[in-house]
Amino acid sequence: MSTCQTSCREALIIAPGAPRLIDVDTEAGAARFFLAPPSNSGGVAITRFSVFCTDGVNEFGSFGPASPLRMEGRQDFVTYGCALQARNVVGNGPFSQVFLITPPWNLLFGDGFEP
């Protein structure tokens, strides 16, 4: 039983929400993913952002403490499905909506929108 039932407030710390994609800058064999942090950090600071992509056979990933994230080793004119994820001290949050990229310079969102 908690000793803080009525006299204090306990902070609830949870995994963060999913980050949002702002833009992708593609170049030969590489991409930079610009992202916005999740609206819910889980009550503590985000410690890592990740991007994961697949062409259906090969998987690629990149992570770092802040935007942008750079990923290399992809083939030009091959379409990749990608998703973003944030992490805090509790653990990984959910993946973002999947988006498609075809380097160089083709970004498609799950609803078919192309900026």
PDB file of N, CA and C in Angstrom:
ATOM      1  N   MET A   1       0.839  -1.178   0.000  1.00  0.00           N
ATOM      2  CA  MET A   1       0.000   0.000   0.000  1.00  0.00           C
ATOM      3  C   MET A   1       0.884   1.241   0.000  1.00  0.00           C
ATOM      4  N   SER A   2       0.539   2.192  -0.792  1.00  0.00           N
ATOM      5  CA  SER A   2       1.319   3.416  -0.930  1.00  0.00           C
ATOM      6  C   SER A   2       1.131   4.318   0.276  1.00  0.00           C
ATOM      7  N   THR A   3       2.197   4.993   0.677  1.00  0.00           N
ATOM      8  CA  THR A   3       2.104   5.962   1.771  1.00  0.00           C
ATOM      9  C   THR A   3       1.640   7.324   1.274  1.00  0.00           C
ATOM     10  N   CYS A   4       1.464   7.482  -0.006  1.00  0.00           N
ATOM     11  CA  CYS A   4       1.083   8.770  -0.600  1.00  0.00           C
ATOM     12  C   CYS A   4      -0.342   8.765  -1.131  1.00  0.00           C
ATOM     13  N   GLN A   5      -1.228   8.023  -0.541  1.00  0.00           N
ATOM     14  CA  GLN A   5      -2.584   7.903  -1.079  1.00  0.00           C
ATOM     15  C   GLN A   5      -3.331   9.222  -1.147  1.00  0.00           C
ATOM     16  N   THR A   6      -3.209  10.066  -0.154  1.00  0.00           N
ATOM     17  CA  THR A   6      -3.957  11.325  -0.166  1.00  0.00           C
ATOM     18  C   THR A   6      -3.100  12.555   0.037  1.00  0.00           C
ATOM     19  N   SER A   7      -1.881  12.404   0.511  1.00  0.00           N
ATOM     20  CA  SER A   7      -1.101  13.585   0.872  1.00  0.00           C
ATOM     21  C   SER A   7      -0.029  13.984  -0.129  1.00  0.00           C
ATOM     22  N   CYS A   8       0.245  13.195  -1.116  1.00  0.00           N
ATOM     23  CA  CYS A   8       1.256  13.581  -2.101  1.00  0.00           C
ATOM     24  C   CYS A   8       0.891  13.010  -3.464  1.00  0.00           C
ATOM     25  N   ARG A   9       1.546  13.529  -4.467  1.00  0.00           N
ATOM     26  CA  ARG A   9       1.301  13.055  -5.834  1.00  0.00           C
ATOM     27  C   ARG A   9       2.517  12.282  -6.316  1.00  0.00           C
ATOM     28  N   GLU A  10       2.275  11.090  -6.803  1.00  0.00           N
ATOM     29  CA  GLU A  10       3.356  10.274  -7.334  1.00  0.00           C
ATOM     30  C   GLU A  10       3.460  10.505  -8.833  1.00  0.00           C
ATOM     31  N   ALA A  11       4.658  10.725  -9.293  1.00  0.00           N
ATOM     32  CA  ALA A  11       4.873  10.938 -10.726  1.00  0.00           C
ATOM     33  C   ALA A  11       4.856   9.590 -11.442  1.00  0.00           C
ATOM     34  N   LEU A  12       4.094   9.530 -12.507  1.00  0.00           N
ATOM     35  CA  LEU A  12       4.032   8.321 -13.317  1.00  0.00           C
ATOM     36  C   LEU A  12       4.949   8.510 -14.513  1.00  0.00           C
ATOM     37  N   ILE A  13       5.965   7.683 -14.598  1.00  0.00           N
ATOM     38  CA  ILE A  13       6.910   7.753 -15.706  1.00  0.00           C
ATOM     39  C   ILE A  13       6.647   6.555 -16.606  1.00  0.00           C
ATOM     40  N   ILE A  14       6.435   6.838 -17.889  1.00  0.00           N
ATOM     41  CA  ILE A  14       6.117   5.795 -18.859  1.00  0.00           C
ATOM     42  C   ILE A  14       7.008   5.952 -20.092  1.00  0.00           C
ATOM     43  N   ALA A  15       6.952   4.993 -20.985  1.00  0.00           N
ATOM     44  CA  ALA A  15       7.683   5.101 -22.259  1.00  0.00           C
ATOM     45  C   ALA A  15       7.089   6.257 -23.073  1.00  0.00           C
ATOM     46  N   PRO A  16       7.892   6.876 -23.921  1.00  0.00           N
ATOM     47  CA  PRO A  16       7.410   8.029 -24.699  1.00  0.00           C
ATOM     48  C   PRO A  16       6.468   7.618 -25.828  1.00  0.00           C
ATOM     49  N   GLY A  17       5.794   8.617 -26.390  1.00  0.00           N
ATOM     50  CA  GLY A  17       4.994   8.402 -27.584  1.00  0.00           C
ATOM     51  C   GLY A  17       5.895   8.307 -28.806  1.00  0.00           C
ATOM     52  N   ALA A  18       5.297   8.223 -29.966  1.00  0.00           N
ATOM     53  CA  ALA A  18       6.056   8.117 -31.222  1.00  0.00           C
ATOM     54  C   ALA A  18       6.466   9.501 -31.719  1.00  0.00           C
ATOM     55  N   PRO A  19       7.696   9.648 -32.204  1.00  0.00           N
ATOM     56  CA  PRO A  19       8.099  10.921 -32.813  1.00  0.00           C
ATOM     57  C   PRO A  19       7.398  11.112 -34.155  1.00  0.00           C
ATOM     58  N   ARG A  20       7.434  12.339 -34.670  1.00  0.00           N
ATOM     59  CA  ARG A  20       6.804  12.654 -35.956  1.00  0.00           C
ATOM     60  C   ARG A  20       7.874  12.988 -36.985  1.00  0.00           C
ATOM     61  N   LEU A  21       7.673  12.532 -38.190  1.00  0.00           N
ATOM     62  CA  LEU A  21       8.569  12.846 -39.296  1.00  0.00           C
ATOM     63  C   LEU A  21       8.278  14.253 -39.791  1.00  0.00           C
ATOM     64  N   ILE A  22       9.326  15.058 -39.943  1.00  0.00           N
ATOM     65  CA  ILE A  22       9.194  16.400 -40.504  1.00  0.00           C
ATOM     66  C   ILE A  22       9.616  16.398 -41.967  1.00  0.00           C
ATOM     67  N   ASP A  23      10.773  15.782 -42.255  1.00  0.00           N
ATOM     68  CA  ASP A  23      11.292  15.781 -43.624  1.00  0.00           C
ATOM     69  C   ASP A  23      12.357  14.701 -43.755  1.00  0.00           C
ATOM     70  N   VAL A  24      12.623  14.308 -44.984  1.00  0.00           N
ATOM     71  CA  VAL A  24      13.717  13.389 -45.300  1.00  0.00           C
ATOM     72  C   VAL A  24      14.532  14.021 -46.410  1.00  0.00           C
ATOM     73  N   ASP A  25      15.822  14.102 -46.205  1.00  0.00           N
ATOM     74  CA  ASP A  25      16.751  14.624 -47.209  1.00  0.00           C
ATOM     75  C   ASP A  25      17.541  13.430 -47.729  1.00  0.00           C
ATOM     76  N   THR A  26      17.286  13.032 -48.978  1.00  0.00           N
ATOM     77  CA  THR A  26      17.970  11.860 -49.525  1.00  0.00           C
ATOM     78  C   THR A  26      19.086  12.274 -50.464  1.00  0.00           C
ATOM     79  N   GLU A  27      20.081  11.423 -50.523  1.00  0.00           N
ATOM     80  CA  GLU A  27      21.206  11.589 -51.442  1.00  0.00           C
ATOM     81  C   GLU A  27      21.633  10.192 -51.854  1.00  0.00           C
ATOM     82  N   ALA A  28      22.591  10.081 -52.709  1.00  0.00           N
ATOM     83  CA  ALA A  28      23.022   8.771 -53.213  1.00  0.00           C
ATOM     84  C   ALA A  28      23.351   7.821 -52.061  1.00  0.00           C
ATOM     85  N   GLY A  29      22.532   6.785 -51.887  1.00  0.00           N
ATOM     86  CA  GLY A  29      22.790   5.745 -50.903  1.00  0.00           C
ATOM     87  C   GLY A  29      22.582   6.127 -49.456  1.00  0.00           C
ATOM     88  N   ALA A  30      22.061   7.314 -49.178  1.00  0.00           N
ATOM     89  CA  ALA A  30      21.919   7.755 -47.791  1.00  0.00           C
ATOM     90  C   ALA A  30      20.695   8.651 -47.638  1.00  0.00           C
ATOM     91  N   ALA A  31      20.312   8.865 -46.391  1.00  0.00           N
ATOM     92  CA  ALA A  31      19.199   9.766 -46.096  1.00  0.00           C
ATOM     93  C   ALA A  31      19.393  10.365 -44.713  1.00  0.00           C
ATOM     94  N   ARG A  32      18.884  11.588 -44.551  1.00  0.00           N
ATOM     95  CA  ARG A  32      18.826  12.232 -43.237  1.00  0.00           C
ATOM     96  C   ARG A  32      17.353  12.409 -42.898  1.00  0.00           C
ATOM     97  N   PHE A  33      16.968  11.926 -41.726  1.00  0.00           N
ATOM     98  CA  PHE A  33      15.589  11.978 -41.259  1.00  0.00           C
ATOM     99  C   PHE A  33      15.464  13.085 -40.215  1.00  0.00           C
ATOM    100  N   PHE A  34      14.646  14.071 -40.507  1.00  0.00           N
ATOM    101  CA  PHE A  34      14.386  15.166 -39.582  1.00  0.00           C
ATOM    102  C   PHE A  34      13.079  14.851 -38.863  1.00  0.00           C
ATOM    103  N   LEU A  35      13.112  14.870 -37.543  1.00  0.00           N
ATOM    104  CA  LEU A  35      11.933  14.471 -36.797  1.00  0.00           C
ATOM    105  C   LEU A  35      11.640  15.420 -35.654  1.00  0.00           C
ATOM    106  N   ALA A  36      10.392  15.400 -35.208  1.00  0.00           N
ATOM    107  CA  ALA A  36       9.950  16.167 -34.045  1.00  0.00           C
ATOM    108  C   ALA A  36       9.738  15.183 -32.901  1.00  0.00           C
ATOM    109  N   PRO A  37      10.103  15.576 -31.696  1.00  0.00           N
ATOM    110  CA  PRO A  37       9.910  14.672 -30.568  1.00  0.00           C
ATOM    111  C   PRO A  37       8.428  14.383 -30.334  1.00  0.00           C
ATOM    112  N   PRO A  38       8.135  13.296 -29.650  1.00  0.00           N
ATOM    113  CA  PRO A  38       6.731  12.984 -29.377  1.00  0.00           C
ATOM    114  C   PRO A  38       6.094  14.044 -28.482  1.00  0.00           C
ATOM    115  N   SER A  39       4.790  14.193 -28.593  1.00  0.00           N
ATOM    116  CA  SER A  39       4.090  15.154 -27.739  1.00  0.00           C
ATOM    117  C   SER A  39       4.111  14.700 -26.282  1.00  0.00           C
ATOM    118  N   ASN A  40       4.278  13.415 -26.039  1.00  0.00           N
ATOM    119  CA  ASN A  40       4.369  12.878 -24.687  1.00  0.00           C
ATOM    120  C   ASN A  40       5.726  12.211 -24.522  1.00  0.00           C
ATOM    121  N   SER A  41       6.591  12.821 -23.715  1.00  0.00           N
ATOM    122  CA  SER A  41       7.928  12.260 -23.489  1.00  0.00           C
ATOM    123  C   SER A  41       7.911  11.142 -22.458  1.00  0.00           C
ATOM    124  N   GLY A  42       6.771  10.911 -21.826  1.00  0.00           N
ATOM    125  CA  GLY A  42       6.681   9.893 -20.787  1.00  0.00           C
ATOM    126  C   GLY A  42       6.994  10.432 -19.409  1.00  0.00           C
ATOM    127  N   GLY A  43       7.202  11.737 -19.298  1.00  0.00           N
ATOM    128  CA  GLY A  43       7.491  12.351 -18.005  1.00  0.00           C
ATOM    129  C   GLY A  43       8.966  12.555 -17.734  1.00  0.00           C
ATOM    130  N   VAL A  44       9.821  12.083 -18.628  1.00  0.00           N
ATOM    131  CA  VAL A  44      11.271  12.263 -18.493  1.00  0.00           C
ATOM    132  C   VAL A  44      11.853  12.562 -19.872  1.00  0.00           C
ATOM    133  N   ALA A  45      13.125  12.899 -19.908  1.00  0.00           N
ATOM    134  CA  ALA A  45      13.776  13.263 -21.173  1.00  0.00           C
ATOM    135  C   ALA A  45      13.895  12.063 -22.115  1.00  0.00           C
ATOM    136  N   ILE A  46      13.799  12.351 -23.411  1.00  0.00           N
ATOM    137  CA  ILE A  46      14.059  11.343 -24.439  1.00  0.00           C
ATOM    138  C   ILE A  46      15.565  11.111 -24.476  1.00  0.00           C
ATOM    139  N   THR A  47      15.989   9.851 -24.468  1.00  0.00           N
ATOM    140  CA  THR A  47      17.420   9.538 -24.487  1.00  0.00           C
ATOM    141  C   THR A  47      17.920   9.096 -25.856  1.00  0.00           C
ATOM    142  N   ARG A  48      16.994   8.654 -26.733  1.00  0.00           N
ATOM    143  CA  ARG A  48      17.428   8.192 -28.053  1.00  0.00           C
ATOM    144  C   ARG A  48      16.255   8.210 -29.029  1.00  0.00           C
ATOM    145  N   PHE A  49      16.564   8.579 -30.268  1.00  0.00           N
ATOM    146  CA  PHE A  49      15.621   8.474 -31.373  1.00  0.00           C
ATOM    147  C   PHE A  49      16.169   7.425 -32.333  1.00  0.00           C
ATOM    148  N   SER A  50      15.277   6.655 -32.951  1.00  0.00           N
ATOM    149  CA  SER A  50      15.686   5.620 -33.901  1.00  0.00           C
ATOM    150  C   SER A  50      14.833   5.699 -35.155  1.00  0.00           C
ATOM    151  N   VAL A  51      15.441   5.301 -36.276  1.00  0.00           N
ATOM    152  CA  VAL A  51      14.702   5.113 -37.519  1.00  0.00           C
ATOM    153  C   VAL A  51      15.051   3.723 -38.032  1.00  0.00           C
ATOM    154  N   PHE A  52      14.035   2.988 -38.446  1.00  0.00           N
ATOM    155  CA  PHE A  52      14.212   1.647 -38.991  1.00  0.00           C
ATOM    156  C   PHE A  52      13.581   1.609 -40.368  1.00  0.00           C
ATOM    157  N   CYS A  53      14.293   1.045 -41.337  1.00  0.00           N
ATOM    158  CA  CYS A  53      13.791   0.942 -42.709  1.00  0.00           C
ATOM    159  C   CYS A  53      14.022  -0.473 -43.232  1.00  0.00           C
ATOM    160  N   THR A  54      13.153  -0.903 -44.141  1.00  0.00           N
ATOM    161  CA  THR A  54      13.317  -2.197 -44.794  1.00  0.00           C
ATOM    162  C   THR A  54      12.855  -2.104 -46.241  1.00  0.00           C
ATOM    163  N   ASP A  55      13.505  -2.879 -47.086  1.00  0.00           N
ATOM    164  CA  ASP A  55      13.066  -3.000 -48.480  1.00  0.00           C
ATOM    165  C   ASP A  55      12.276  -4.290 -48.667  1.00  0.00           C
ATOM    166  N   GLY A  56      11.943  -4.953 -47.576  1.00  0.00           N
ATOM    167  CA  GLY A  56      11.234  -6.225 -47.610  1.00  0.00           C
ATOM    168  C   GLY A  56      12.159  -7.407 -47.422  1.00  0.00           C
ATOM    169  N   VAL A  57      13.460  -7.190 -47.601  1.00  0.00           N
ATOM    170  CA  VAL A  57      14.461  -8.242 -47.428  1.00  0.00           C
ATOM    171  C   VAL A  57      15.508  -7.795 -46.410  1.00  0.00           C
ATOM    172  N   ASN A  58      16.105  -6.647 -46.662  1.00  0.00           N
ATOM    173  CA  ASN A  58      17.156  -6.105 -45.804  1.00  0.00           C
ATOM    174  C   ASN A  58      16.570  -5.090 -44.834  1.00  0.00           C
ATOM    175  N   GLU A  59      17.150  -5.027 -43.631  1.00  0.00           N
ATOM    176  CA  GLU A  59      16.733  -4.049 -42.634  1.00  0.00           C
ATOM    177  C   GLU A  59      17.897  -3.126 -42.320  1.00  0.00           C
ATOM    178  N   PHE A  60      17.576  -1.854 -42.145  1.00  0.00           N
ATOM    179  CA  PHE A  60      18.569  -0.835 -41.819  1.00  0.00           C
ATOM    180  C   PHE A  60      18.072  -0.062 -40.608  1.00  0.00           C
ATOM    181  N   GLY A  61      18.981   0.401 -39.790  1.00  0.00           N
ATOM    182  CA  GLY A  61      18.592   1.207 -38.641  1.00  0.00           C
ATOM    183  C   GLY A  61      19.649   2.239 -38.323  1.00  0.00           C
ATOM    184  N   SER A  62      19.203   3.291 -37.678  1.00  0.00           N
ATOM    185  CA  SER A  62      20.106   4.344 -37.232  1.00  0.00           C
ATOM    186  C   SER A  62      19.505   4.964 -35.981  1.00  0.00           C
ATOM    187  N   PHE A  63      20.358   5.413 -35.076  1.00  0.00           N
ATOM    188  CA  PHE A  63      19.840   6.057 -33.875  1.00  0.00           C
ATOM    189  C   PHE A  63      20.790   7.152 -33.424  1.00  0.00           C
ATOM    190  N   GLY A  64      20.269   8.042 -32.590  1.00  0.00           N
ATOM    191  CA  GLY A  64      21.056   9.132 -32.049  1.00  0.00           C
ATOM    192  C   GLY A  64      20.243   9.909 -31.032  1.00  0.00           C
ATOM    193  N   PRO A  65      20.895  10.840 -30.333  1.00  0.00           N
ATOM    194  CA  PRO A  65      20.209  11.585 -29.275  1.00  0.00           C
ATOM    195  C   PRO A  65      19.313  12.711 -29.779  1.00  0.00           C
ATOM    196  N   ALA A  66      19.451  13.087 -31.052  1.00  0.00           N
ATOM    197  CA  ALA A  66      18.689  14.235 -31.563  1.00  0.00           C
ATOM    198  C   ALA A  66      18.527  14.132 -33.075  1.00  0.00           C
ATOM    199  N   SER A  67      17.639  14.940 -33.600  1.00  0.00           N
ATOM    200  CA  SER A  67      17.404  15.037 -35.046  1.00  0.00           C
ATOM    201  C   SER A  67      18.483  15.911 -35.668  1.00  0.00           C
ATOM    202  N   PRO A  68      18.919  15.634 -36.896  1.00  0.00           N
ATOM    203  CA  PRO A  68      18.476  14.561 -37.781  1.00  0.00           C
ATOM    204  C   PRO A  68      19.247  13.266 -37.541  1.00  0.00           C
ATOM    205  N   LEU A  69      18.654  12.169 -37.976  1.00  0.00           N
ATOM    206  CA  LEU A  69      19.312  10.867 -37.956  1.00  0.00           C
ATOM    207  C   LEU A  69      19.773  10.553 -39.373  1.00  0.00           C
ATOM    208  N   ARG A  70      21.005  10.089 -39.515  1.00  0.00           N
ATOM    209  CA  ARG A  70      21.558   9.774 -40.838  1.00  0.00           C
ATOM    210  C   ARG A  70      21.638   8.262 -41.006  1.00  0.00           C
ATOM    211  N   MET A  71      21.200   7.792 -42.168  1.00  0.00           N
ATOM    212  CA  MET A  71      21.265   6.369 -42.488  1.00  0.00           C
ATOM    213  C   MET A  71      21.960   6.195 -43.832  1.00  0.00           C
ATOM    214  N   GLU A  72      22.927   5.290 -43.874  1.00  0.00           N
ATOM    215  CA  GLU A  72      23.663   5.016 -45.110  1.00  0.00           C
ATOM    216  C   GLU A  72      23.474   3.559 -45.504  1.00  0.00           C
ATOM    217  N   GLY A  73      23.936   3.211 -46.693  1.00  0.00           N
ATOM    218  CA  GLY A  73      23.935   1.829 -47.132  1.00  0.00           C
ATOM    219  C   GLY A  73      22.690   1.391 -47.867  1.00  0.00           C
ATOM    220  N   ARG A  74      21.908   2.352 -48.349  1.00  0.00           N
ATOM    221  CA  ARG A  74      20.701   1.997 -49.085  1.00  0.00           C
ATOM    222  C   ARG A  74      20.950   2.159 -50.570  1.00  0.00           C
ATOM    223  N   GLN A  75      20.152   1.465 -51.369  1.00  0.00           N
ATOM    224  CA  GLN A  75      20.293   1.547 -52.825  1.00  0.00           C
ATOM    225  C   GLN A  75      19.370   2.623 -53.375  1.00  0.00           C
ATOM    226  N   ASP A  76      19.859   3.341 -54.368  1.00  0.00           N
ATOM    227  CA  ASP A  76      19.031   4.332 -55.043  1.00  0.00           C
ATOM    228  C   ASP A  76      17.928   3.643 -55.829  1.00  0.00           C
ATOM    229  N   PHE A  77      16.790   4.315 -55.925  1.00  0.00           N
ATOM    230  CA  PHE A  77      15.623   3.876 -56.695  1.00  0.00           C
ATOM    231  C   PHE A  77      15.011   2.573 -56.183  1.00  0.00           C
ATOM    232  N   VAL A  78      15.261   2.249 -54.911  1.00  0.00           N
ATOM    233  CA  VAL A  78      14.611   1.131 -54.232  1.00  0.00           C
ATOM    234  C   VAL A  78      13.712   1.741 -53.159  1.00  0.00           C
ATOM    235  N   THR A  79      12.466   1.294 -53.071  1.00  0.00           N
ATOM    236  CA  THR A  79      11.534   1.837 -52.084  1.00  0.00           C
ATOM    237  C   THR A  79      11.720   1.139 -50.744  1.00  0.00           C
ATOM    238  N   TYR A  80      11.779   1.941 -49.682  1.00  0.00           N
ATOM    239  CA  TYR A  80      11.943   1.448 -48.321  1.00  0.00           C
ATOM    240  C   TYR A  80      10.759   1.892 -47.472  1.00  0.00           C
ATOM    241  N   GLY A  81      10.248   1.007 -46.642  1.00  0.00           N
ATOM    242  CA  GLY A  81       9.268   1.362 -45.622  1.00  0.00           C
ATOM    243  C   GLY A  81      10.021   1.679 -44.345  1.00  0.00           C
ATOM    244  N   CYS A  82       9.718   2.825 -43.743  1.00  0.00           N
ATOM    245  CA  CYS A  82      10.461   3.283 -42.565  1.00  0.00           C
ATOM    246  C   CYS A  82       9.514   3.684 -41.440  1.00  0.00           C
ATOM    247  N   ALA A  83      10.007   3.623 -40.211  1.00  0.00           N
ATOM    248  CA  ALA A  83       9.257   4.068 -39.039  1.00  0.00           C
ATOM    249  C   ALA A  83      10.237   4.642 -38.023  1.00  0.00           C
ATOM    250  N   LEU A  84       9.744   5.556 -37.208  1.00  0.00           N
ATOM    251  CA  LEU A  84      10.538   6.222 -36.179  1.00  0.00           C
ATOM    252  C   LEU A  84      10.134   5.710 -34.803  1.00  0.00           C
ATOM    253  N   GLN A  85      11.057   5.849 -33.838  1.00  0.00           N
ATOM    254  CA  GLN A  85      10.779   5.432 -32.471  1.00  0.00           C
ATOM    255  C   GLN A  85      11.588   6.302 -31.513  1.00  0.00           C
ATOM    256  N   ALA A  86      11.043   6.561 -30.327  1.00  0.00           N
ATOM    257  CA  ALA A  86      11.750   7.311 -29.285  1.00  0.00           C
ATOM    258  C   ALA A  86      11.938   6.409 -28.068  1.00  0.00           C
ATOM    259  N   ARG A  87      12.963   6.717 -27.277  1.00  0.00           N
ATOM    260  CA  ARG A  87      13.272   5.928 -26.078  1.00  0.00           C
ATOM    261  C   ARG A  87      13.561   6.877 -24.923  1.00  0.00           C
ATOM    262  N   ASN A  88      13.134   6.491 -23.719  1.00  0.00           N
ATOM    263  CA  ASN A  88      13.546   7.186 -22.500  1.00  0.00           C
ATOM    264  C   ASN A  88      14.031   6.132 -21.504  1.00  0.00           C
ATOM    265  N   VAL A  89      14.216   6.507 -20.229  1.00  0.00           N
ATOM    266  CA  VAL A  89      14.757   5.559 -19.251  1.00  0.00           C
ATOM    267  C   VAL A  89      13.836   4.362 -19.011  1.00  0.00           C
ATOM    268  N   VAL A  90      12.558   4.485 -19.317  1.00  0.00           N
ATOM    269  CA  VAL A  90      11.619   3.374 -19.143  1.00  0.00           C
ATOM    270  C   VAL A  90      11.779   2.347 -20.259  1.00  0.00           C
ATOM    271  N   GLY A  91      12.004   2.832 -21.488  1.00  0.00           N
ATOM    272  CA  GLY A  91      12.151   1.931 -22.626  1.00  0.00           C
ATOM    273  C   GLY A  91      11.694   2.572 -23.914  1.00  0.00           C
ATOM    274  N   ASN A  92      11.522   1.746 -24.940  1.00  0.00           N
ATOM    275  CA  ASN A  92      11.096   2.225 -26.254  1.00  0.00           C
ATOM    276  C   ASN A  92       9.603   2.506 -26.270  1.00  0.00           C
ATOM    277  N   GLY A  93       9.239   3.575 -26.966  1.00  0.00           N
ATOM    278  CA  GLY A  93       7.839   3.878 -27.206  1.00  0.00           C
ATOM    279  C   GLY A  93       7.369   3.176 -28.462  1.00  0.00           C
ATOM    280  N   PRO A  94       6.136   3.438 -28.890  1.00  0.00           N
ATOM    281  CA  PRO A  94       5.602   2.807 -30.095  1.00  0.00           C
ATOM    282  C   PRO A  94       6.252   3.370 -31.355  1.00  0.00           C
ATOM    283  N   PHE A  95       6.141   2.635 -32.441  1.00  0.00           N
ATOM    284  CA  PHE A  95       6.630   3.118 -33.730  1.00  0.00           C
ATOM    285  C   PHE A  95       5.668   4.152 -34.294  1.00  0.00           C
ATOM    286  N   SER A  96       6.217   5.050 -35.079  1.00  0.00           N
ATOM    287  CA  SER A  96       5.405   6.019 -35.810  1.00  0.00           C
ATOM    288  C   SER A  96       4.675   5.315 -36.946  1.00  0.00           C
ATOM    289  N   GLN A  97       3.834   6.070 -37.622  1.00  0.00           N
ATOM    290  CA  GLN A  97       3.205   5.571 -38.846  1.00  0.00           C
ATOM    291  C   GLN A  97       4.316   5.259 -39.849  1.00  0.00           C
ATOM    292  N   VAL A  98       4.170   4.174 -40.590  1.00  0.00           N
ATOM    293  CA  VAL A  98       5.155   3.810 -41.611  1.00  0.00           C
ATOM    294  C   VAL A  98       5.057   4.794 -42.774  1.00  0.00           C
ATOM    295  N   PHE A  99       6.209   5.197 -43.280  1.00  0.00           N
ATOM    296  CA  PHE A  99       6.269   6.057 -44.461  1.00  0.00           C
ATOM    297  C   PHE A  99       7.236   5.433 -45.447  1.00  0.00           C
ATOM    298  N   LEU A 100       7.070   5.731 -46.723  1.00  0.00           N
ATOM    299  CA  LEU A 100       7.894   5.153 -47.781  1.00  0.00           C
ATOM    300  C   LEU A 100       8.844   6.189 -48.341  1.00  0.00           C
ATOM    301  N   ILE A 101      10.081   5.768 -48.590  1.00  0.00           N
ATOM    302  CA  ILE A 101      11.044   6.628 -49.274  1.00  0.00           C
ATOM    303  C   ILE A 101      11.665   5.849 -50.426  1.00  0.00           C
ATOM    304  N   THR A 102      11.967   6.552 -51.480  1.00  0.00           N
ATOM    305  CA  THR A 102      12.684   5.990 -52.621  1.00  0.00           C
ATOM    306  C   THR A 102      13.781   6.974 -52.974  1.00  0.00           C
ATOM    307  N   PRO A 103      15.000   6.743 -52.499  1.00  0.00           N
ATOM    308  CA  PRO A 103      16.050   7.703 -52.794  1.00  0.00           C
ATOM    309  C   PRO A 103      16.411   7.682 -54.268  1.00  0.00           C
ATOM    310  N   PRO A 104      16.796   8.791 -54.826  1.00  0.00           N
ATOM    311  CA  PRO A 104      16.790  10.103 -54.200  1.00  0.00           C
ATOM    312  C   PRO A 104      15.466  10.841 -54.381  1.00  0.00           C
ATOM    313  N   TRP A 105      15.093  11.585 -53.371  1.00  0.00           N
ATOM    314  CA  TRP A 105      13.982  12.550 -53.341  1.00  0.00           C
ATOM    315  C   TRP A 105      12.612  12.037 -53.710  1.00  0.00           C
ATOM    316  N   ASN A 106      12.127  11.072 -52.971  1.00  0.00           N
ATOM    317  CA  ASN A 106      10.737  10.681 -53.124  1.00  0.00           C
ATOM    318  C   ASN A 106      10.236  10.198 -51.775  1.00  0.00           C
ATOM    319  N   LEU A 107       9.371  10.953 -51.152  1.00  0.00           N
ATOM    320  CA  LEU A 107       8.828  10.639 -49.841  1.00  0.00           C
ATOM    321  C   LEU A 107       7.325  10.467 -49.971  1.00  0.00           C
ATOM    322  N   LEU A 108       6.812   9.313 -49.569  1.00  0.00           N
ATOM    323  CA  LEU A 108       5.377   9.050 -49.605  1.00  0.00           C
ATOM    324  C   LEU A 108       4.912   8.664 -48.213  1.00  0.00           C
ATOM    325  N   PHE A 109       3.855   9.305 -47.732  1.00  0.00           N
ATOM    326  CA  PHE A 109       3.276   8.943 -46.449  1.00  0.00           C
ATOM    327  C   PHE A 109       2.317   7.782 -46.649  1.00  0.00           C
ATOM    328  N   GLY A 110       1.917   7.132 -45.572  1.00  0.00           N
ATOM    329  CA  GLY A 110       1.044   5.968 -45.645  1.00  0.00           C
ATOM    330  C   GLY A 110      -0.267   6.226 -46.360  1.00  0.00           C
ATOM    331  N   ASP A 111      -0.721   7.485 -46.383  1.00  0.00           N
ATOM    332  CA  ASP A 111      -1.976   7.799 -47.061  1.00  0.00           C
ATOM    333  C   ASP A 111      -1.766   8.147 -48.529  1.00  0.00           C
ATOM    334  N   GLY A 112      -0.528   7.988 -49.032  1.00  0.00           N
ATOM    335  CA  GLY A 112      -0.229   8.282 -50.430  1.00  0.00           C
ATOM    336  C   GLY A 112       0.135   9.721 -50.690  1.00  0.00           C
ATOM    337  N   PHE A 113       0.127  10.557 -49.643  1.00  0.00           N
ATOM    338  CA  PHE A 113       0.473  11.967 -49.803  1.00  0.00           C
ATOM    339  C   PHE A 113       1.949  12.103 -50.150  1.00  0.00           C
ATOM    340  N   GLU A 114       2.247  12.888 -51.133  1.00  0.00           N
ATOM    341  CA  GLU A 114       3.629  13.156 -51.528  1.00  0.00           C
ATOM    342  C   GLU A 114       3.860  14.656 -51.445  1.00  0.00           C
ATOM    343  N   PRO A 115       4.773  15.113 -50.548  1.00  0.00           N
ATOM    344  CA  PRO A 115       5.005  16.555 -50.402  1.00  0.00           C
ATOM    345  C   PRO A 115       5.656  17.165 -51.630  1.00  0.00           C
TER     346      PRO A 115
END
